[in-house]
Amino acid sequence: MKALFEKVTIAEQTSLLVKHIRMPQFDAPWHYHPEYELTYIVRSSGKRFVGDHISSFDAGDLVLVGPNLPHFWRNDDDQPADSPAEAVVVQFPATFAETVLNALPEASAIGQLLRRAQYGLRFLPTQETDLGPRLIQLATLDGMPRLLAFLTLLHELTLVSDTTLLASDGYQLSVSEAETERMKRVLDYMLKHFRTEIRIEQIASVAGMAPAAFCRYFRKRTGKSFVEYLNEVRISHARKLLTQNDMSVGQVGLECGFNNISHFHRQFRLLSGTTPLKYQVAGRGR
């Protein structure tokens, strides 16, 4: 299945598209489109890819993706069959700021929010600003009530102080269809095999390139070497296992593809700022 440019169809008489998605697993490929996209995960967990950023996601995940920024949400292989994926997705044109917000001086903060979201923005709402139920309700509204409710939600997102920028500033937003398809094949292979050794020759073959050319290509597209990117995927999965499973630190390292436990400890501290054991104790104590 090709990861093509996605054509988002917003009806002429509406300013945004709201979808309440329910499916066995998230199956959207690595894709991009010229619209903004606000995604709220109602149920499900796995890995989230936004540009060159990788992280785990769980229920409650809330992310605003800017125009033409490649992204996809992928369930982990161990996702229970009786635990379907559910999300609310809001898509609105890149011209939304020009056609709607610029005419409203009171909406200047929302315009700033959209500019910050160019490379992806994750929100960590407090209980006081939990917007999940209202995003679910948004999918039931139509016309002006829906637009007003959405503007109110965007306004409240400007008040959320705990946010994380996702893709790096140097990430290349302009991508061709062929590059998107190639990167999709690379990511799919990596997600399927990250628990085992992946040699550069193997992943270069998946991309249809010579090893040296692939290394240059991957660094240019992501700003990181393939090994650095692979380690981020592995450590992201390790964080999940440390807090959600009754496994020792050593078992987690092996399960995530680290045959050398000392190397696992070094990479975990480098990417997480703490040791696996301290992370595990803190996570289970929450």
C-alpha atoms as a PDB file:
ATOM      1  CA  MET A   1       0.000   0.000   0.000  1.00  0.00           C
ATOM      2  CA  LYS A   2       1.540   3.287  -1.125  1.00  0.00           C
ATOM      3  CA  ALA A   3       1.972   6.171   1.291  1.00  0.00           C
ATOM      4  CA  LEU A   4       0.696   8.784  -1.137  1.00  0.00           C
ATOM      5  CA  PHE A   5      -0.202  12.416  -0.763  1.00  0.00           C
ATOM      6  CA  GLU A   6      -3.560  12.323   1.033  1.00  0.00           C
ATOM      7  CA  LYS A   7      -6.422  14.227  -0.569  1.00  0.00           C
ATOM      8  CA  VAL A   8      -8.546  15.623   2.258  1.00  0.00           C
ATOM      9  CA  THR A   9     -12.035  16.570   1.076  1.00  0.00           C
ATOM     10  CA  ILE A  10     -13.705  19.292   3.117  1.00  0.00           C
ATOM     11  CA  ALA A  11     -17.228  20.111   1.963  1.00  0.00           C
ATOM     12  CA  GLU A  12     -17.714  23.546   0.407  1.00  0.00           C
ATOM     13  CA  GLN A  13     -20.110  24.732   3.096  1.00  0.00           C
ATOM     14  CA  THR A  14     -17.852  23.775   6.016  1.00  0.00           C
ATOM     15  CA  SER A  15     -14.568  25.051   7.428  1.00  0.00           C
ATOM     16  CA  LEU A  16     -13.294  21.770   8.856  1.00  0.00           C
ATOM     17  CA  LEU A  17     -13.595  18.003   8.667  1.00  0.00           C
ATOM     18  CA  VAL A  18     -14.235  16.050  11.880  1.00  0.00           C
ATOM     19  CA  LYS A  19     -13.964  12.241  11.972  1.00  0.00           C
ATOM     20  CA  HIS A  20     -14.648   9.906  14.895  1.00  0.00           C
ATOM     21  CA  ILE A  21     -12.609   6.834  13.914  1.00  0.00           C
ATOM     22  CA  ARG A  22     -13.161   3.331  15.271  1.00  0.00           C
ATOM     23  CA  MET A  23     -11.262   0.362  13.813  1.00  0.00           C
ATOM     24  CA  PRO A  24      -9.412  -2.801  14.929  1.00  0.00           C
ATOM     25  CA  GLN A  25      -6.049  -1.047  14.453  1.00  0.00           C
ATOM     26  CA  PHE A  26      -4.841   2.268  13.089  1.00  0.00           C
ATOM     27  CA  ASP A  27      -3.988   1.536   9.466  1.00  0.00           C
ATOM     28  CA  ALA A  28      -3.223   4.948   7.936  1.00  0.00           C
ATOM     29  CA  PRO A  29       0.174   4.822   6.193  1.00  0.00           C
ATOM     30  CA  TRP A  30       3.061   7.274   6.463  1.00  0.00           C
ATOM     31  CA  HIS A  31       1.404  10.240   4.718  1.00  0.00           C
ATOM     32  CA  TYR A  32       1.102  13.998   4.479  1.00  0.00           C
ATOM     33  CA  HIS A  33      -1.471  16.568   3.338  1.00  0.00           C
ATOM     34  CA  PRO A  34      -1.695  20.375   3.079  1.00  0.00           C
ATOM     35  CA  GLU A  35      -4.205  20.639   5.949  1.00  0.00           C
ATOM     36  CA  TYR A  36      -3.627  21.024   9.668  1.00  0.00           C
ATOM     37  CA  GLU A  37      -4.625  17.957  11.668  1.00  0.00           C
ATOM     38  CA  LEU A  38      -5.572  17.691  15.340  1.00  0.00           C
ATOM     39  CA  THR A  39      -5.629  14.073  16.540  1.00  0.00           C
ATOM     40  CA  TYR A  40      -6.975  12.881  19.885  1.00  0.00           C
ATOM     41  CA  ILE A  41      -6.510   9.212  20.814  1.00  0.00           C
ATOM     42  CA  VAL A  42      -9.591   7.953  22.662  1.00  0.00           C
ATOM     43  CA  ARG A  43      -8.362   4.353  22.939  1.00  0.00           C
ATOM     44  CA  SER A  44      -5.224   2.577  21.718  1.00  0.00           C
ATOM     45  CA  SER A  45      -1.454   2.621  22.142  1.00  0.00           C
ATOM     46  CA  GLY A  46       1.617   2.228  19.989  1.00  0.00           C
ATOM     47  CA  LYS A  47       4.214   4.395  18.233  1.00  0.00           C
ATOM     48  CA  ARG A  48       3.653   7.892  16.870  1.00  0.00           C
ATOM     49  CA  PHE A  49       5.801   9.174  13.987  1.00  0.00           C
ATOM     50  CA  VAL A  50       5.754  12.899  13.195  1.00  0.00           C
ATOM     51  CA  GLY A  51       8.496  14.012  10.827  1.00  0.00           C
ATOM     52  CA  ASP A  52      11.744  12.793  12.376  1.00  0.00           C
ATOM     53  CA  HIS A  53      10.213  12.394  15.858  1.00  0.00           C
ATOM     54  CA  ILE A  54       9.275   9.006  17.345  1.00  0.00           C
ATOM     55  CA  SER A  55       7.445   8.404  20.604  1.00  0.00           C
ATOM     56  CA  SER A  56       4.960   6.055  22.208  1.00  0.00           C
ATOM     57  CA  PHE A  57       1.332   7.078  22.461  1.00  0.00           C
ATOM     58  CA  ASP A  58      -1.536   5.988  24.692  1.00  0.00           C
ATOM     59  CA  ALA A  59      -5.139   6.991  25.257  1.00  0.00           C
ATOM     60  CA  GLY A  60      -5.350  10.750  25.795  1.00  0.00           C
ATOM     61  CA  ASP A  61      -2.604  11.581  23.297  1.00  0.00           C
ATOM     62  CA  LEU A  62      -3.342  14.969  21.694  1.00  0.00           C
ATOM     63  CA  VAL A  63      -1.235  16.250  18.782  1.00  0.00           C
ATOM     64  CA  LEU A  64      -1.558  19.117  16.300  1.00  0.00           C
ATOM     65  CA  VAL A  65       0.296  18.486  13.019  1.00  0.00           C
ATOM     66  CA  GLY A  66       1.097  21.291  10.576  1.00  0.00           C
ATOM     67  CA  PRO A  67       0.592  21.254   6.791  1.00  0.00           C
ATOM     68  CA  ASN A  68       2.681  18.814   4.715  1.00  0.00           C
ATOM     69  CA  LEU A  69       4.303  17.237   7.763  1.00  0.00           C
ATOM     70  CA  PRO A  70       4.495  13.431   7.268  1.00  0.00           C
ATOM     71  CA  HIS A  71       2.995  11.438  10.123  1.00  0.00           C
ATOM     72  CA  PHE A  72       1.291   8.246  11.184  1.00  0.00           C
ATOM     73  CA  TRP A  73       0.170   6.390  14.294  1.00  0.00           C
ATOM     74  CA  ARG A  74       1.053   2.689  14.410  1.00  0.00           C
ATOM     75  CA  ASN A  75      -0.233   0.136  16.927  1.00  0.00           C
ATOM     76  CA  ASP A  76       2.274  -2.187  18.576  1.00  0.00           C
ATOM     77  CA  ASP A  77       2.235  -5.815  17.477  1.00  0.00           C
ATOM     78  CA  ASP A  78       1.114  -6.870  20.954  1.00  0.00           C
ATOM     79  CA  GLN A  79      -2.061  -4.746  20.803  1.00  0.00           C
ATOM     80  CA  PRO A  80      -4.889  -6.996  22.130  1.00  0.00           C
ATOM     81  CA  ALA A  81      -7.368  -8.066  19.465  1.00  0.00           C
ATOM     82  CA  ASP A  82     -10.274  -7.108  21.727  1.00  0.00           C
ATOM     83  CA  SER A  83      -8.928  -3.561  22.236  1.00  0.00           C
ATOM     84  CA  PRO A  84      -9.952  -1.543  19.150  1.00  0.00           C
ATOM     85  CA  ALA A  85      -8.375   1.741  18.127  1.00  0.00           C
ATOM     86  CA  GLU A  86     -10.456   4.901  18.490  1.00  0.00           C
ATOM     87  CA  ALA A  87      -9.589   8.526  17.732  1.00  0.00           C
ATOM     88  CA  VAL A  88     -11.097  11.889  16.866  1.00  0.00           C
ATOM     89  CA  VAL A  89      -9.377  13.647  13.953  1.00  0.00           C
ATOM     90  CA  VAL A  90     -10.014  17.280  12.991  1.00  0.00           C
ATOM     91  CA  GLN A  91      -8.603  18.531   9.672  1.00  0.00           C
ATOM     92  CA  PHE A  92      -8.795  22.146   8.516  1.00  0.00           C
ATOM     93  CA  PRO A  93      -7.187  24.119   5.662  1.00  0.00           C
ATOM     94  CA  ALA A  94      -3.758  25.719   5.845  1.00  0.00           C
ATOM     95  CA  THR A  95      -5.539  28.956   4.846  1.00  0.00           C
ATOM     96  CA  PHE A  96      -7.670  28.834   8.018  1.00  0.00           C
ATOM     97  CA  ALA A  97      -5.546  31.548   9.640  1.00  0.00           C
ATOM     98  CA  GLU A  98      -5.833  33.869   6.642  1.00  0.00           C
ATOM     99  CA  THR A  99      -9.522  33.368   5.923  1.00  0.00           C
ATOM    100  CA  VAL A 100     -10.839  33.143   9.479  1.00  0.00           C
ATOM    101  CA  LEU A 101      -8.379  34.087  12.200  1.00  0.00           C
ATOM    102  CA  ASN A 102      -6.816  37.195  10.654  1.00  0.00           C
ATOM    103  CA  ALA A 103     -10.226  38.867  10.685  1.00  0.00           C
ATOM    104  CA  LEU A 104     -10.515  38.284  14.452  1.00  0.00           C
ATOM    105  CA  PRO A 105      -8.055  40.269  16.617  1.00  0.00           C
ATOM    106  CA  GLU A 106      -9.105  38.123  19.582  1.00  0.00           C
ATOM    107  CA  ALA A 107      -7.765  35.050  17.772  1.00  0.00           C
ATOM    108  CA  SER A 108      -4.142  36.219  17.478  1.00  0.00           C
ATOM    109  CA  ALA A 109      -2.999  33.618  20.042  1.00  0.00           C
ATOM    110  CA  ILE A 110      -4.551  30.850  17.928  1.00  0.00           C
ATOM    111  CA  GLY A 111      -2.573  32.083  14.924  1.00  0.00           C
ATOM    112  CA  GLN A 112       0.612  31.839  16.985  1.00  0.00           C
ATOM    113  CA  LEU A 113      -0.374  28.322  18.040  1.00  0.00           C
ATOM    114  CA  LEU A 114      -0.749  27.220  14.407  1.00  0.00           C
ATOM    115  CA  ARG A 115       2.665  28.637  13.535  1.00  0.00           C
ATOM    116  CA  ARG A 116       4.197  26.670  16.416  1.00  0.00           C
ATOM    117  CA  ALA A 117       2.499  23.525  15.109  1.00  0.00           C
ATOM    118  CA  GLN A 118       4.367  23.648  11.793  1.00  0.00           C
ATOM    119  CA  TYR A 119       6.623  20.819  13.001  1.00  0.00           C
ATOM    120  CA  GLY A 120       4.061  19.102  15.219  1.00  0.00           C
ATOM    121  CA  LEU A 121       2.951  19.976  18.735  1.00  0.00           C
ATOM    122  CA  ARG A 122       1.925  17.586  21.495  1.00  0.00           C
ATOM    123  CA  PHE A 123      -0.288  18.818  24.341  1.00  0.00           C
ATOM    124  CA  LEU A 124      -0.259  17.433  27.864  1.00  0.00           C
ATOM    125  CA  PRO A 125      -3.473  18.862  29.312  1.00  0.00           C
ATOM    126  CA  THR A 126      -4.079  18.917  33.038  1.00  0.00           C
ATOM    127  CA  GLN A 127      -7.328  17.636  34.479  1.00  0.00           C
ATOM    128  CA  GLU A 128      -8.620  21.201  34.397  1.00  0.00           C
ATOM    129  CA  THR A 129      -7.998  21.505  30.646  1.00  0.00           C
ATOM    130  CA  ASP A 130      -8.834  17.967  29.534  1.00  0.00           C
ATOM    131  CA  LEU A 131     -10.355  18.513  26.103  1.00  0.00           C
ATOM    132  CA  GLY A 132     -10.961  14.863  25.210  1.00  0.00           C
ATOM    133  CA  PRO A 133     -14.699  14.666  25.960  1.00  0.00           C
ATOM    134  CA  ARG A 134     -15.334  17.898  24.078  1.00  0.00           C
ATOM    135  CA  LEU A 135     -13.393  16.697  21.045  1.00  0.00           C
ATOM    136  CA  ILE A 136     -15.576  13.594  21.031  1.00  0.00           C
ATOM    137  CA  GLN A 137     -18.647  15.812  21.259  1.00  0.00           C
ATOM    138  CA  LEU A 138     -17.317  17.950  18.389  1.00  0.00           C
ATOM    139  CA  ALA A 139     -17.864  15.017  16.032  1.00  0.00           C
ATOM    140  CA  THR A 140     -21.595  15.151  16.812  1.00  0.00           C
ATOM    141  CA  LEU A 141     -22.005  18.848  15.939  1.00  0.00           C
ATOM    142  CA  ASP A 142     -22.595  20.559  12.608  1.00  0.00           C
ATOM    143  CA  GLY A 143     -22.521  24.033  11.112  1.00  0.00           C
ATOM    144  CA  MET A 144     -21.863  27.110  13.229  1.00  0.00           C
ATOM    145  CA  PRO A 145     -22.095  25.269  16.595  1.00  0.00           C
ATOM    146  CA  ARG A 146     -19.248  23.004  15.467  1.00  0.00           C
ATOM    147  CA  LEU A 147     -17.088  25.911  14.238  1.00  0.00           C
ATOM    148  CA  LEU A 148     -17.632  27.899  17.444  1.00  0.00           C
ATOM    149  CA  ALA A 149     -16.853  24.845  19.577  1.00  0.00           C
ATOM    150  CA  PHE A 150     -13.682  24.226  17.567  1.00  0.00           C
ATOM    151  CA  LEU A 151     -12.506  27.835  17.921  1.00  0.00           C
ATOM    152  CA  THR A 152     -13.073  27.538  21.659  1.00  0.00           C
ATOM    153  CA  LEU A 153     -11.012  24.337  21.739  1.00  0.00           C
ATOM    154  CA  LEU A 154      -8.161  26.018  19.823  1.00  0.00           C
ATOM    155  CA  HIS A 155      -8.300  28.943  22.233  1.00  0.00           C
ATOM    156  CA  GLU A 156      -8.024  26.596  25.206  1.00  0.00           C
ATOM    157  CA  LEU A 157      -5.076  24.836  23.572  1.00  0.00           C
ATOM    158  CA  THR A 158      -3.255  28.188  23.581  1.00  0.00           C
ATOM    159  CA  LEU A 159      -3.561  28.106  27.372  1.00  0.00           C
ATOM    160  CA  VAL A 160      -1.923  24.673  27.748  1.00  0.00           C
ATOM    161  CA  SER A 161       1.582  25.361  29.041  1.00  0.00           C
ATOM    162  CA  ASP A 162       2.857  21.774  28.965  1.00  0.00           C
ATOM    163  CA  THR A 163       3.569  21.200  25.270  1.00  0.00           C
ATOM    164  CA  THR A 164       6.274  19.399  23.296  1.00  0.00           C
ATOM    165  CA  LEU A 165       7.541  20.309  19.833  1.00  0.00           C
ATOM    166  CA  LEU A 166       7.935  17.121  17.804  1.00  0.00           C
ATOM    167  CA  ALA A 167       9.867  17.247  14.498  1.00  0.00           C
ATOM    168  CA  SER A 168      13.192  19.102  14.556  1.00  0.00           C
ATOM    169  CA  ASP A 169      13.569  22.579  13.046  1.00  0.00           C
ATOM    170  CA  GLY A 170      15.743  21.195  10.270  1.00  0.00           C
ATOM    171  CA  TYR A 171      13.240  18.581   9.144  1.00  0.00           C
ATOM    172  CA  GLN A 172      12.539  18.779   5.404  1.00  0.00           C
ATOM    173  CA  LEU A 173       8.827  19.427   4.957  1.00  0.00           C
ATOM    174  CA  SER A 174       8.768  19.269   1.161  1.00  0.00           C
ATOM    175  CA  VAL A 175       8.657  15.598   0.158  1.00  0.00           C
ATOM    176  CA  SER A 176       7.964  13.859  -3.122  1.00  0.00           C
ATOM    177  CA  GLU A 177       5.650  10.898  -3.545  1.00  0.00           C
ATOM    178  CA  ALA A 178       8.596   8.600  -4.284  1.00  0.00           C
ATOM    179  CA  GLU A 179      10.459   9.716  -1.140  1.00  0.00           C
ATOM    180  CA  THR A 180       7.357   9.221   0.970  1.00  0.00           C
ATOM    181  CA  GLU A 181       6.893   5.685  -0.359  1.00  0.00           C
ATOM    182  CA  ARG A 182      10.556   4.854   0.262  1.00  0.00           C
ATOM    183  CA  MET A 183      10.465   6.176   3.823  1.00  0.00           C
ATOM    184  CA  LYS A 184       7.250   4.268   4.450  1.00  0.00           C
ATOM    185  CA  ARG A 185       8.953   0.996   3.458  1.00  0.00           C
ATOM    186  CA  VAL A 186      11.892   1.785   5.742  1.00  0.00           C
ATOM    187  CA  LEU A 187       9.666   2.615   8.731  1.00  0.00           C
ATOM    188  CA  ASP A 188       7.461  -0.431   8.222  1.00  0.00           C
ATOM    189  CA  TYR A 189      10.491  -2.726   8.134  1.00  0.00           C
ATOM    190  CA  MET A 190      12.040  -1.063  11.177  1.00  0.00           C
ATOM    191  CA  LEU A 191       8.839  -1.350  13.230  1.00  0.00           C
ATOM    192  CA  LYS A 192       8.486  -5.004  12.326  1.00  0.00           C
ATOM    193  CA  HIS A 193      12.104  -5.968  13.054  1.00  0.00           C
ATOM    194  CA  PHE A 194      13.448  -3.512  15.676  1.00  0.00           C
ATOM    195  CA  ARG A 195      13.513  -6.277  18.304  1.00  0.00           C
ATOM    196  CA  THR A 196      16.239  -8.052  16.288  1.00  0.00           C
ATOM    197  CA  GLU A 197      19.479  -6.912  14.676  1.00  0.00           C
ATOM    198  CA  ILE A 198      18.984  -4.753  11.577  1.00  0.00           C
ATOM    199  CA  ARG A 199      22.126  -4.361   9.488  1.00  0.00           C
ATOM    200  CA  ILE A 200      22.605  -1.327   7.253  1.00  0.00           C
ATOM    201  CA  GLU A 201      22.802  -3.626   4.234  1.00  0.00           C
ATOM    202  CA  GLN A 202      19.343  -5.009   5.055  1.00  0.00           C
ATOM    203  CA  ILE A 203      17.592  -1.674   5.502  1.00  0.00           C
ATOM    204  CA  ALA A 204      19.363  -0.173   2.472  1.00  0.00           C
ATOM    205  CA  SER A 205      18.025  -3.057   0.388  1.00  0.00           C
ATOM    206  CA  VAL A 206      14.504  -2.304   1.630  1.00  0.00           C
ATOM    207  CA  ALA A 207      14.964   1.275   0.428  1.00  0.00           C
ATOM    208  CA  GLY A 208      16.376   0.076  -2.895  1.00  0.00           C
ATOM    209  CA  MET A 209      19.694   1.859  -2.342  1.00  0.00           C
ATOM    210  CA  ALA A 210      23.362   1.089  -1.790  1.00  0.00           C
ATOM    211  CA  PRO A 211      24.350   1.226   1.922  1.00  0.00           C
ATOM    212  CA  ALA A 212      26.446   4.400   1.641  1.00  0.00           C
ATOM    213  CA  ALA A 213      23.778   6.186  -0.400  1.00  0.00           C
ATOM    214  CA  PHE A 214      21.079   5.096   2.042  1.00  0.00           C
ATOM    215  CA  CYS A 215      23.033   6.450   5.016  1.00  0.00           C
ATOM    216  CA  ARG A 216      23.347   9.854   3.305  1.00  0.00           C
ATOM    217  CA  TYR A 217      19.693   9.813   2.265  1.00  0.00           C
ATOM    218  CA  PHE A 218      18.399   8.889   5.728  1.00  0.00           C
ATOM    219  CA  ARG A 219      20.468  11.538   7.509  1.00  0.00           C
ATOM    220  CA  LYS A 220      19.365  14.196   5.011  1.00  0.00           C
ATOM    221  CA  ARG A 221      15.700  13.289   5.492  1.00  0.00           C
ATOM    222  CA  THR A 222      15.732  12.962   9.289  1.00  0.00           C
ATOM    223  CA  GLY A 223      18.830  14.773  10.542  1.00  0.00           C
ATOM    224  CA  LYS A 224      19.887  11.535  12.269  1.00  0.00           C
ATOM    225  CA  SER A 225      21.733   8.384  11.351  1.00  0.00           C
ATOM    226  CA  PHE A 226      19.657   5.242  10.900  1.00  0.00           C
ATOM    227  CA  VAL A 227      21.214   3.718  14.032  1.00  0.00           C
ATOM    228  CA  GLU A 228      20.276   6.792  16.088  1.00  0.00           C
ATOM    229  CA  TYR A 229      16.708   6.619  14.760  1.00  0.00           C
ATOM    230  CA  LEU A 230      16.504   2.874  15.435  1.00  0.00           C
ATOM    231  CA  ASN A 231      17.720   3.381  18.996  1.00  0.00           C
ATOM    232  CA  GLU A 232      14.961   5.965  19.545  1.00  0.00           C
ATOM    233  CA  VAL A 233      12.358   3.429  18.437  1.00  0.00           C
ATOM    234  CA  ARG A 234      13.834   0.792  20.750  1.00  0.00           C
ATOM    235  CA  ILE A 235      14.084   3.106  23.764  1.00  0.00           C
ATOM    236  CA  SER A 236      10.549   4.379  23.176  1.00  0.00           C
ATOM    237  CA  HIS A 237       9.313   0.781  23.332  1.00  0.00           C
ATOM    238  CA  ALA A 238      11.476   0.141  26.401  1.00  0.00           C
ATOM    239  CA  ARG A 239       9.801   3.009  28.287  1.00  0.00           C
ATOM    240  CA  LYS A 240       6.435   1.399  27.633  1.00  0.00           C
ATOM    241  CA  LEU A 241       7.561  -2.060  28.774  1.00  0.00           C
ATOM    242  CA  LEU A 242       9.248  -0.736  31.924  1.00  0.00           C
ATOM    243  CA  THR A 243       6.029   0.790  33.232  1.00  0.00           C
ATOM    244  CA  GLN A 244       3.366  -1.532  31.810  1.00  0.00           C
ATOM    245  CA  ASN A 245       4.864  -5.016  32.175  1.00  0.00           C
ATOM    246  CA  ASP A 246       6.305  -7.104  34.993  1.00  0.00           C
ATOM    247  CA  MET A 247       9.716  -7.455  33.364  1.00  0.00           C
ATOM    248  CA  SER A 248      13.219  -6.893  34.674  1.00  0.00           C
ATOM    249  CA  VAL A 249      15.419  -4.190  33.172  1.00  0.00           C
ATOM    250  CA  GLY A 250      17.552  -6.854  31.528  1.00  0.00           C
ATOM    251  CA  GLN A 251      14.527  -8.544  29.988  1.00  0.00           C
ATOM    252  CA  VAL A 252      13.280  -5.230  28.635  1.00  0.00           C
ATOM    253  CA  GLY A 253      16.630  -4.494  27.026  1.00  0.00           C
ATOM    254  CA  LEU A 254      16.686  -7.856  25.257  1.00  0.00           C
ATOM    255  CA  GLU A 255      13.048  -7.539  24.186  1.00  0.00           C
ATOM    256  CA  CYS A 256      13.831  -4.180  22.574  1.00  0.00           C
ATOM    257  CA  GLY A 257      16.763  -5.425  20.513  1.00  0.00           C
ATOM    258  CA  PHE A 258      19.704  -4.632  22.797  1.00  0.00           C
ATOM    259  CA  ASN A 259      21.877  -7.735  23.106  1.00  0.00           C
ATOM    260  CA  ASN A 260      24.387  -5.780  25.194  1.00  0.00           C
ATOM    261  CA  ILE A 261      22.745  -4.612  28.431  1.00  0.00           C
ATOM    262  CA  SER A 262      25.456  -2.027  29.111  1.00  0.00           C
ATOM    263  CA  HIS A 263      24.716  -0.479  25.725  1.00  0.00           C
ATOM    264  CA  PHE A 264      21.003  -0.481  26.581  1.00  0.00           C
ATOM    265  CA  HIS A 265      21.727   1.423  29.804  1.00  0.00           C
ATOM    266  CA  ARG A 266      23.874   3.991  27.949  1.00  0.00           C
ATOM    267  CA  GLN A 267      21.283   4.586  25.246  1.00  0.00           C
ATOM    268  CA  PHE A 268      18.438   4.783  27.749  1.00  0.00           C
ATOM    269  CA  ARG A 269      20.257   7.379  29.865  1.00  0.00           C
ATOM    270  CA  LEU A 270      21.218   9.336  26.728  1.00  0.00           C
ATOM    271  CA  LEU A 271      17.647   9.505  25.411  1.00  0.00           C
ATOM    272  CA  SER A 272      15.688   9.577  28.674  1.00  0.00           C
ATOM    273  CA  GLY A 273      17.993  11.408  31.071  1.00  0.00           C
ATOM    274  CA  THR A 274      17.794   8.675  33.701  1.00  0.00           C
ATOM    275  CA  THR A 275      18.494   4.978  34.184  1.00  0.00           C
ATOM    276  CA  PRO A 276      16.000   2.255  33.183  1.00  0.00           C
ATOM    277  CA  LEU A 277      15.538   1.196  36.812  1.00  0.00           C
ATOM    278  CA  LYS A 278      14.826   4.720  38.055  1.00  0.00           C
ATOM    279  CA  TYR A 279      12.397   5.212  35.169  1.00  0.00           C
ATOM    280  CA  GLN A 280      10.652   1.967  36.030  1.00  0.00           C
ATOM    281  CA  VAL A 281      10.338   2.795  39.723  1.00  0.00           C
ATOM    282  CA  ALA A 282       9.055   6.314  38.987  1.00  0.00           C
ATOM    283  CA  GLY A 283       6.579   5.053  36.382  1.00  0.00           C
ATOM    284  CA  ARG A 284       5.098   2.410  38.625  1.00  0.00           C
ATOM    285  CA  GLY A 285       4.865   4.842  41.525  1.00  0.00           C
ATOM    286  CA  ARG A 286       2.620   7.255  39.629  1.00  0.00           C
END
